[in-house]
PDB file of N, CA and C in Angstrom:
ATOM      1  N   MET A   1      28.581 -52.338  12.516  1.00  0.00           N
ATOM      2  CA  MET A   1      28.136 -52.891  11.135  1.00  0.00           C
ATOM      3  C   MET A   1      26.728 -52.036  10.354  1.00  0.00           C
ATOM      4  N   LYS A   2      25.638 -52.478  11.497  1.00  0.00           N
ATOM      5  CA  LYS A   2      24.802 -51.784  11.032  1.00  0.00           C
ATOM      6  C   LYS A   2      24.676 -50.201  11.041  1.00  0.00           C
ATOM      7  N   PHE A   3      25.017 -49.721  11.702  1.00  0.00           N
ATOM      8  CA  PHE A   3      25.473 -48.465  12.040  1.00  0.00           C
ATOM      9  C   PHE A   3      25.743 -47.737  11.118  1.00  0.00           C
ATOM     10  N   ARG A   4      26.794 -48.371  10.014  1.00  0.00           N
ATOM     11  CA  ARG A   4      27.381 -47.742   9.260  1.00  0.00           C
ATOM     12  C   ARG A   4      26.504 -47.760   8.296  1.00  0.00           C
ATOM     13  N   LYS A   5      25.574 -49.143   7.876  1.00  0.00           N
ATOM     14  CA  LYS A   5      24.798 -48.812   6.826  1.00  0.00           C
ATOM     15  C   LYS A   5      23.881 -47.898   6.919  1.00  0.00           C
ATOM     16  N   PHE A   6      23.290 -47.998   8.125  1.00  0.00           N
ATOM     17  CA  PHE A   6      22.276 -46.708   8.220  1.00  0.00           C
ATOM     18  C   PHE A   6      22.747 -45.143   8.292  1.00  0.00           C
ATOM     19  N   LYS A   7      24.024 -44.884   8.634  1.00  0.00           N
ATOM     20  CA  LYS A   7      24.659 -43.947   8.366  1.00  0.00           C
ATOM     21  C   LYS A   7      24.591 -43.602   6.362  1.00  0.00           C
ATOM     22  N   ILE A   8      25.247 -44.623   5.793  1.00  0.00           N
ATOM     23  CA  ILE A   8      25.147 -44.095   4.096  1.00  0.00           C
ATOM     24  C   ILE A   8      23.582 -44.183   3.466  1.00  0.00           C
ATOM     25  N   LEU A   9      22.630 -45.244   4.508  1.00  0.00           N
ATOM     26  CA  LEU A   9      21.281 -44.690   3.525  1.00  0.00           C
ATOM     27  C   LEU A   9      21.254 -43.656   4.294  1.00  0.00           C
ATOM     28  N   SER A  10      21.351 -43.198   5.584  1.00  0.00           N
ATOM     29  CA  SER A  10      20.220 -42.106   5.589  1.00  0.00           C
ATOM     30  C   SER A  10      21.053 -40.906   5.119  1.00  0.00           C
ATOM     31  N   VAL A  11      22.708 -40.606   4.989  1.00  0.00           N
ATOM     32  CA  VAL A  11      23.018 -40.072   4.271  1.00  0.00           C
ATOM     33  C   VAL A  11      22.303 -39.686   2.487  1.00  0.00           C
ATOM     34  N   THR A  12      22.565 -41.124   1.778  1.00  0.00           N
ATOM     35  CA  THR A  12      22.086 -40.859   0.437  1.00  0.00           C
ATOM     36  C   THR A  12      20.317 -40.649   0.570  1.00  0.00           C
ATOM     37  N   ALA A  13      19.702 -41.090   1.482  1.00  0.00           N
ATOM     38  CA  ALA A  13      18.351 -39.949   1.027  1.00  0.00           C
ATOM     39  C   ALA A  13      18.184 -38.599   1.523  1.00  0.00           C
ATOM     40  N   LEU A  14      19.561 -38.281   2.264  1.00  0.00           N
ATOM     41  CA  LEU A  14      19.485 -36.956   2.541  1.00  0.00           C
ATOM     42  C   LEU A  14      19.644 -36.008   1.221  1.00  0.00           C
ATOM     43  N   CYS A  15      21.069 -37.058   0.488  1.00  0.00           N
ATOM     44  CA  CYS A  15      21.295 -36.505  -0.654  1.00  0.00           C
ATOM     45  C   CYS A  15      20.217 -36.495  -1.573  1.00  0.00           C
ATOM     46  N   ALA A  16      19.238 -37.227  -1.977  1.00  0.00           N
ATOM     47  CA  ALA A  16      18.386 -37.433  -3.255  1.00  0.00           C
ATOM     48  C   ALA A  16      17.290 -36.297  -2.768  1.00  0.00           C
ATOM     49  N   VAL A  17      17.075 -36.307  -1.512  1.00  0.00           N
ATOM     50  CA  VAL A  17      15.861 -35.129  -0.907  1.00  0.00           C
ATOM     51  C   VAL A  17      16.466 -33.948  -1.113  1.00  0.00           C
ATOM     52  N   ALA A  18      17.916 -33.445  -1.163  1.00  0.00           N
ATOM     53  CA  ALA A  18      18.565 -32.221  -1.135  1.00  0.00           C
ATOM     54  C   ALA A  18      18.629 -31.517  -2.679  1.00  0.00           C
ATOM     55  N   PHE A  19      18.847 -32.773  -3.776  1.00  0.00           N
ATOM     56  CA  PHE A  19      19.280 -32.644  -5.148  1.00  0.00           C
ATOM     57  C   PHE A  19      18.207 -32.955  -5.888  1.00  0.00           C
ATOM     58  N   GLN A  20      16.865 -32.676  -5.355  1.00  0.00           N
ATOM     59  CA  GLN A  20      16.094 -33.108  -6.018  1.00  0.00           C
ATOM     60  C   GLN A  20      15.350 -31.737  -6.768  1.00  0.00           C
ATOM     61  N   PRO A  21      15.460 -32.025  -8.357  1.00  0.00           N
ATOM     62  CA  PRO A  21      15.281 -30.561  -9.115  1.00  0.00           C
ATOM     63  C   PRO A  21      13.811 -29.900  -8.633  1.00  0.00           C
ATOM     64  N   ALA A  22      13.148 -30.566  -8.400  1.00  0.00           N
ATOM     65  CA  ALA A  22      12.069 -29.628  -8.562  1.00  0.00           C
ATOM     66  C   ALA A  22      11.695 -28.469  -7.017  1.00  0.00           C
ATOM     67  N   SER A  23      13.137 -28.962  -5.993  1.00  0.00           N
ATOM     68  CA  SER A  23      12.880 -28.015  -4.919  1.00  0.00           C
ATOM     69  C   SER A  23      13.835 -26.694  -5.501  1.00  0.00           C
ATOM     70  N   LEU A  24      14.262 -26.815  -6.919  1.00  0.00           N
ATOM     71  CA  LEU A  24      15.617 -25.778  -6.942  1.00  0.00           C
ATOM     72  C   LEU A  24      14.627 -24.702  -8.220  1.00  0.00           C
ATOM     73  N   PHE A  25      13.317 -25.085  -8.421  1.00  0.00           N
ATOM     74  CA  PHE A  25      12.608 -24.333  -8.956  1.00  0.00           C
ATOM     75  C   PHE A  25      12.248 -22.961  -8.775  1.00  0.00           C
ATOM     76  N   ALA A  26      12.379 -21.787  -9.085  1.00  0.00           N
ATOM     77  CA  ALA A  26      11.849 -20.782  -8.485  1.00  0.00           C
ATOM     78  C   ALA A  26      10.633 -20.376  -8.654  1.00  0.00           C
ATOM     79  N   CYS A  27       9.891 -19.529  -7.679  1.00  0.00           N
ATOM     80  CA  CYS A  27       7.833 -19.347  -7.594  1.00  0.00           C
ATOM     81  C   CYS A  27       7.611 -18.598  -8.960  1.00  0.00           C
ATOM     82  N   ALA A  28       6.906 -18.392  -9.247  1.00  0.00           N
ATOM     83  CA  ALA A  28       6.896 -17.531 -10.250  1.00  0.00           C
ATOM     84  C   ALA A  28       6.574 -15.980 -10.119  1.00  0.00           C
ATOM     85  N   ALA A  29       6.665 -15.807  -8.972  1.00  0.00           N
ATOM     86  CA  ALA A  29       7.070 -14.319  -8.627  1.00  0.00           C
ATOM     87  C   ALA A  29       8.966 -14.172  -8.806  1.00  0.00           C
ATOM     88  N   CYS A  30       9.275 -14.997  -8.258  1.00  0.00           N
ATOM     89  CA  CYS A  30      11.166 -14.742  -9.104  1.00  0.00           C
ATOM     90  C   CYS A  30      11.214 -15.021 -10.018  1.00  0.00           C
ATOM     91  N   TYR A  31      10.488 -16.066 -10.772  1.00  0.00           N
ATOM     92  CA  TYR A  31      10.680 -16.505 -11.798  1.00  0.00           C
ATOM     93  C   TYR A  31      10.587 -15.248 -13.063  1.00  0.00           C
ATOM     94  N   GLY A  32       9.833 -14.727 -12.704  1.00  0.00           N
ATOM     95  CA  GLY A  32       9.206 -13.486 -13.729  1.00  0.00           C
ATOM     96  C   GLY A  32       8.304 -13.857 -14.653  1.00  0.00           C
ATOM     97  N   ALA A  33       7.357 -14.493 -13.936  1.00  0.00           N
ATOM     98  CA  ALA A  33       5.962 -14.603 -14.562  1.00  0.00           C
ATOM     99  C   ALA A  33       4.729 -13.534 -13.746  1.00  0.00           C
ATOM    100  N   SER A  34       4.902 -12.404 -14.543  1.00  0.00           N
ATOM    101  CA  SER A  34       4.301 -11.272 -13.819  1.00  0.00           C
ATOM    102  C   SER A  34       2.612 -11.279 -13.565  1.00  0.00           C
ATOM    103  N   ASP A  35       2.004 -12.379 -14.597  1.00  0.00           N
ATOM    104  CA  ASP A  35       0.808 -12.362 -15.087  1.00  0.00           C
ATOM    105  C   ASP A  35       0.147 -13.821 -14.122  1.00  0.00           C
ATOM    106  N   SER A  36       1.146 -13.953 -13.227  1.00  0.00           N
ATOM    107  CA  SER A  36       0.620 -15.388 -12.599  1.00  0.00           C
ATOM    108  C   SER A  36      -0.670 -15.104 -11.235  1.00  0.00           C
ATOM    109  N   PRO A  37      -1.567 -15.820 -11.178  1.00  0.00           N
ATOM    110  CA  PRO A  37      -2.016 -15.349  -9.591  1.00  0.00           C
ATOM    111  C   PRO A  37      -1.000 -15.160  -8.500  1.00  0.00           C
ATOM    112  N   MET A  38      -0.277 -15.681  -8.301  1.00  0.00           N
ATOM    113  CA  MET A  38       0.517 -15.692  -7.069  1.00  0.00           C
ATOM    114  C   MET A  38       1.289 -13.710  -7.159  1.00  0.00           C
ATOM    115  N   ALA A  39       2.004 -13.735  -8.350  1.00  0.00           N
ATOM    116  CA  ALA A  39       2.759 -12.499  -8.397  1.00  0.00           C
ATOM    117  C   ALA A  39       1.691 -11.392  -8.774  1.00  0.00           C
ATOM    118  N   GLN A  40       0.069 -11.493  -9.152  1.00  0.00           N
ATOM    119  CA  GLN A  40      -1.019 -11.000  -8.819  1.00  0.00           C
ATOM    120  C   GLN A  40      -1.167 -10.488  -7.370  1.00  0.00           C
ATOM    121  N   GLY A  41      -1.146 -11.748  -6.358  1.00  0.00           N
ATOM    122  CA  GLY A  41      -1.810 -11.259  -5.152  1.00  0.00           C
ATOM    123  C   GLY A  41      -0.510 -10.782  -4.493  1.00  0.00           C
ATOM    124  N   MET A  42       0.234 -10.900  -4.707  1.00  0.00           N
ATOM    125  CA  MET A  42       1.935  -9.735  -4.282  1.00  0.00           C
ATOM    126  C   MET A  42       1.504  -8.622  -4.328  1.00  0.00           C
ATOM    127  N   ASN A  43       1.444  -8.486  -5.560  1.00  0.00           N
ATOM    128  CA  ASN A  43       1.276  -7.083  -5.755  1.00  0.00           C
ATOM    129  C   ASN A  43      -0.015  -6.525  -5.221  1.00  0.00           C
ATOM    130  N   TRP A  44      -1.119  -7.104  -4.991  1.00  0.00           N
ATOM    131  CA  TRP A  44      -2.266  -6.533  -4.390  1.00  0.00           C
ATOM    132  C   TRP A  44      -2.088  -6.586  -2.530  1.00  0.00           C
ATOM    133  N   GLY A  45      -1.021  -7.205  -2.191  1.00  0.00           N
ATOM    134  CA  GLY A  45      -0.724  -6.963  -1.060  1.00  0.00           C
ATOM    135  C   GLY A  45       0.279  -5.911  -0.509  1.00  0.00           C
ATOM    136  N   ILE A  46       1.050  -5.748  -1.417  1.00  0.00           N
ATOM    137  CA  ILE A  46       2.196  -4.625  -1.746  1.00  0.00           C
ATOM    138  C   ILE A  46       1.291  -3.446  -1.206  1.00  0.00           C
ATOM    139  N   PHE A  47       0.493  -2.886  -2.332  1.00  0.00           N
ATOM    140  CA  PHE A  47      -1.005  -1.977  -2.677  1.00  0.00           C
ATOM    141  C   PHE A  47      -1.762  -1.569  -1.352  1.00  0.00           C
ATOM    142  N   SER A  48      -2.012  -2.821  -0.546  1.00  0.00           N
ATOM    143  CA  SER A  48      -2.825  -2.483   0.676  1.00  0.00           C
ATOM    144  C   SER A  48      -2.034  -2.404   1.867  1.00  0.00           C
ATOM    145  N   LEU A  49      -0.758  -2.986   1.753  1.00  0.00           N
ATOM    146  CA  LEU A  49       0.310  -2.063   3.013  1.00  0.00           C
ATOM    147  C   LEU A  49       0.654  -0.785   2.560  1.00  0.00           C
ATOM    148  N   LEU A  50       0.491  -1.010   1.533  1.00  0.00           N
ATOM    149  CA  LEU A  50       0.825   0.647   0.738  1.00  0.00           C
ATOM    150  C   LEU A  50      -0.236   1.869   1.289  1.00  0.00           C
ATOM    151  N   GLY A  51      -1.663   1.597   1.550  1.00  0.00           N
ATOM    152  CA  GLY A  51      -2.254   2.218   1.339  1.00  0.00           C
ATOM    153  C   GLY A  51      -2.222   2.290   3.116  1.00  0.00           C
ATOM    154  N   VAL A  52      -2.690   1.208   3.569  1.00  0.00           N
ATOM    155  CA  VAL A  52      -2.680   1.328   5.310  1.00  0.00           C
ATOM    156  C   VAL A  52      -1.360   2.544   5.728  1.00  0.00           C
ATOM    157  N   VAL A  53      -0.361   2.280   5.337  1.00  0.00           N
ATOM    158  CA  VAL A  53       0.678   3.173   6.003  1.00  0.00           C
ATOM    159  C   VAL A  53       0.469   4.596   5.132  1.00  0.00           C
ATOM    160  N   THR A  54      -0.124   4.621   3.517  1.00  0.00           N
ATOM    161  CA  THR A  54      -0.764   6.160   3.975  1.00  0.00           C
ATOM    162  C   THR A  54      -1.813   7.003   4.908  1.00  0.00           C
ATOM    163  N   VAL A  55      -2.906   5.897   5.333  1.00  0.00           N
ATOM    164  CA  VAL A  55      -3.828   6.278   5.890  1.00  0.00           C
ATOM    165  C   VAL A  55      -3.183   6.848   7.451  1.00  0.00           C
ATOM    166  N   VAL A  56      -2.189   5.817   8.344  1.00  0.00           N
ATOM    167  CA  VAL A  56      -1.751   6.212   9.498  1.00  0.00           C
ATOM    168  C   VAL A  56      -1.075   7.480   9.515  1.00  0.00           C
ATOM    169  N   LEU A  57      -0.054   7.202   8.567  1.00  0.00           N
ATOM    170  CA  LEU A  57       0.481   8.936   8.184  1.00  0.00           C
ATOM    171  C   LEU A  57      -0.172  10.478   7.789  1.00  0.00           C
ATOM    172  N   GLY A  58      -1.167  10.099   7.196  1.00  0.00           N
ATOM    173  CA  GLY A  58      -1.984  10.607   7.452  1.00  0.00           C
ATOM    174  C   GLY A  58      -2.559  11.076   8.412  1.00  0.00           C
ATOM    175  N   SER A  59      -3.015  10.276   9.309  1.00  0.00           N
ATOM    176  CA  SER A  59      -3.862  10.470  10.674  1.00  0.00           C
ATOM    177  C   SER A  59      -3.193  11.328  11.417  1.00  0.00           C
ATOM    178  N   VAL A  60      -1.802  10.904  11.567  1.00  0.00           N
ATOM    179  CA  VAL A  60      -0.532  11.568  12.427  1.00  0.00           C
ATOM    180  C   VAL A  60      -0.647  12.968  11.718  1.00  0.00           C
ATOM    181  N   ALA A  61      -0.547  13.101  10.811  1.00  0.00           N
ATOM    182  CA  ALA A  61      -0.072  14.332  10.443  1.00  0.00           C
ATOM    183  C   ALA A  61      -1.641  15.707  10.271  1.00  0.00           C
ATOM    184  N   THR A  62      -2.649  14.838  10.320  1.00  0.00           N
ATOM    185  CA  THR A  62      -4.136  15.597  10.717  1.00  0.00           C
ATOM    186  C   THR A  62      -3.764  15.706  12.023  1.00  0.00           C
ATOM    187  N   PHE A  63      -3.716  14.849  12.509  1.00  0.00           N
ATOM    188  CA  PHE A  63      -3.724  15.060  14.305  1.00  0.00           C
ATOM    189  C   PHE A  63      -2.767  16.131  14.667  1.00  0.00           C
ATOM    190  N   PHE A  64      -1.561  16.595  14.204  1.00  0.00           N
ATOM    191  CA  PHE A  64      -0.833  17.113  14.788  1.00  0.00           C
ATOM    192  C   PHE A  64      -0.903  18.738  13.733  1.00  0.00           C
ATOM    193  N   VAL A  65      -1.761  18.828  12.354  1.00  0.00           N
ATOM    194  CA  VAL A  65      -2.632  20.031  12.520  1.00  0.00           C
ATOM    195  C   VAL A  65      -3.283  20.070  12.917  1.00  0.00           C
ATOM    196  N   PHE A  66      -4.219  19.629  13.650  1.00  0.00           N
ATOM    197  CA  PHE A  66      -5.763  19.933  14.546  1.00  0.00           C
ATOM    198  C   PHE A  66      -4.803  20.523  15.987  1.00  0.00           C
ATOM    199  N   ILE A  67      -3.921  19.868  16.579  1.00  0.00           N
ATOM    200  CA  ILE A  67      -3.232  20.080  18.146  1.00  0.00           C
ATOM    201  C   ILE A  67      -2.524  21.482  17.248  1.00  0.00           C
ATOM    202  N   GLY A  68      -1.736  22.166  16.248  1.00  0.00           N
ATOM    203  CA  GLY A  68      -1.478  23.534  16.053  1.00  0.00           C
ATOM    204  C   GLY A  68      -2.592  24.354  15.900  1.00  0.00           C
ATOM    205  N   LYS A  69      -3.244  23.712  15.199  1.00  0.00           N
ATOM    206  CA  LYS A  69      -4.617  25.082  14.729  1.00  0.00           C
ATOM    207  C   LYS A  69      -5.111  25.747  16.381  1.00  0.00           C
ATOM    208  N   LYS A  70      -5.151  24.603  17.139  1.00  0.00           N
ATOM    209  CA  LYS A  70      -5.346  24.996  18.497  1.00  0.00           C
ATOM    210  C   LYS A  70      -4.760  25.386  19.310  1.00  0.00           C
ATOM    211  N   ALA A  71      -3.950  25.261  19.474  1.00  0.00           N
ATOM    212  CA  ALA A  71      -2.927  25.762  20.130  1.00  0.00           C
ATOM    213  C   ALA A  71      -2.215  27.404  20.129  1.00  0.00           C
ATOM    214  N   ALA A  72      -2.779  27.596  18.197  1.00  0.00           N
ATOM    215  CA  ALA A  72      -2.755  29.070  18.203  1.00  0.00           C
ATOM    216  C   ALA A  72      -3.860  29.888  18.733  1.00  0.00           C
ATOM    217  N   ALA A  73      -5.209  29.168  18.060  1.00  0.00           N
ATOM    218  CA  ALA A  73      -6.173  29.603  18.404  1.00  0.00           C
ATOM    219  C   ALA A  73      -6.330  29.794  20.099  1.00  0.00           C
ATOM    220  N   ALA A  74      -5.677  29.127  20.958  1.00  0.00           N
ATOM    221  CA  ALA A  74      -5.397  29.244  22.437  1.00  0.00           C
ATOM    222  C   ALA A  74      -4.827  30.521  22.658  1.00  0.00           C
ATOM    223  N   SER A  75      -3.884  30.291  22.018  1.00  0.00           N
ATOM    224  CA  SER A  75      -2.723  31.817  22.231  1.00  0.00           C
ATOM    225  C   SER A  75      -3.530  33.033  21.803  1.00  0.00           C
ATOM    226  N   ASN A  76      -3.642  33.031  20.780  1.00  0.00           N
ATOM    227  CA  ASN A  76      -5.004  34.069  20.037  1.00  0.00           C
ATOM    228  C   ASN A  76      -5.667  34.706  21.644  1.00  0.00           C
ATOM    229  N   LEU A  77      -6.107  33.707  21.898  1.00  0.00           N
ATOM    230  CA  LEU A  77      -7.782  33.875  22.957  1.00  0.00           C
ATOM    231  C   LEU A  77      -7.058  34.497  24.385  1.00  0.00           C
ATOM    232  N   SER A  78      -5.627  34.033  24.685  1.00  0.00           N
ATOM    233  CA  SER A  78      -5.230  34.045  25.765  1.00  0.00           C
ATOM    234  C   SER A  78      -4.174  35.426  25.789  1.00  0.00           C
ATOM    235  N   ASP A  79      -3.621  35.639  24.518  1.00  0.00           N
ATOM    236  CA  ASP A  79      -3.502  37.303  24.476  1.00  0.00           C
ATOM    237  C   ASP A  79      -4.246  38.412  24.246  1.00  0.00           C
ATOM    238  N   ALA A  80      -5.536  38.058  23.545  1.00  0.00           N
ATOM    239  CA  ALA A  80      -6.685  38.962  23.415  1.00  0.00           C
ATOM    240  C   ALA A  80      -6.963  39.122  24.886  1.00  0.00           C
ATOM    241  N   ASP A  81      -7.432  37.928  25.530  1.00  0.00           N
ATOM    242  CA  ASP A  81      -7.383  38.653  27.366  1.00  0.00           C
ATOM    243  C   ASP A  81      -6.866  39.393  28.117  1.00  0.00           C
ATOM    244  N   SER A  82      -5.444  38.845  28.455  1.00  0.00           N
ATOM    245  CA  SER A  82      -4.177  39.758  28.994  1.00  0.00           C
ATOM    246  C   SER A  82      -4.466  40.956  28.056  1.00  0.00           C
ATOM    247  N   ALA A  83      -4.861  41.597  26.764  1.00  0.00           N
ATOM    248  CA  ALA A  83      -4.739  42.548  26.395  1.00  0.00           C
ATOM    249  C   ALA A  83      -6.265  43.168  26.726  1.00  0.00           C
ATOM    250  N   LYS A  84      -6.915  42.686  27.466  1.00  0.00           N
ATOM    251  CA  LYS A  84      -8.155  43.478  27.799  1.00  0.00           C
ATOM    252  C   LYS A  84      -8.211  44.018  29.154  1.00  0.00           C
ATOM    253  N   LYS A  85      -7.223  42.845  30.096  1.00  0.00           N
ATOM    254  CA  LYS A  85      -7.019  43.025  30.975  1.00  0.00           C
ATOM    255  C   LYS A  85      -6.029  44.428  31.113  1.00  0.00           C
ATOM    256  N   THR A  86      -4.647  44.085  30.700  1.00  0.00           N
ATOM    257  CA  THR A  86      -4.054  45.477  30.994  1.00  0.00           C
ATOM    258  C   THR A  86      -4.469  47.209  30.414  1.00  0.00           C
ATOM    259  N   GLU A  87      -5.367  47.044  29.827  1.00  0.00           N
ATOM    260  CA  GLU A  87      -5.793  48.193  29.019  1.00  0.00           C
ATOM    261  C   GLU A  87      -6.271  49.163  30.387  1.00  0.00           C
ATOM    262  N   PRO A  88      -5.853  50.529  30.590  1.00  0.00           N
ATOM    263  CA  PRO A  88      -6.443  51.149  31.736  1.00  0.00           C
ATOM    264  C   PRO A  88      -8.589  51.435  31.313  1.00  0.00           C
ATOM    265  N   THR A  89      -8.856  51.673  32.498  1.00  0.00           N
ATOM    266  CA  THR A  89      -9.951  51.366  32.260  1.00  0.00           C
ATOM    267  C   THR A  89     -10.253  53.227  32.996  1.00  0.00           C
ATOM    268  N   GLU A  90     -10.996  53.841  32.702  1.00  0.00           N
ATOM    269  CA  GLU A  90     -11.672  54.967  33.352  1.00  0.00           C
ATOM    270  C   GLU A  90     -12.544  54.727  34.076  1.00  0.00           C
ATOM    271  N   ASN A  91     -12.306  55.438  35.336  1.00  0.00           N
ATOM    272  CA  ASN A  91     -13.376  55.592  36.027  1.00  0.00           C
ATOM    273  C   ASN A  91     -13.839  56.700  36.335  1.00  0.00           C
ATOM    274  N   ALA A  92     -14.700  57.661  35.581  1.00  0.00           N
ATOM    275  CA  ALA A  92     -15.663  58.890  36.329  1.00  0.00           C
ATOM    276  C   ALA A  92     -16.575  58.872  36.990  1.00  0.00           C
TER     277      ALA A  92
END
């Protein structure tokens, strides 16, 4: 008998908490209040993360351009060195 009363009481309390209307309200960002501090903070967070991604991808691209230029310069130097070695020299 006690278990049944406890079960009914706990189910009733759970339903009262689950169906509270305050828990069904949307936040300011979802509800559409774009001028609220929460929405402004979310926008700043998005822009900050976008800035970080841009800096990281720009750094990676700059690194590969730097490596490409160094490889081209090294290739030109080795081509020039090999051309000097293969030219016949005149020993008179």
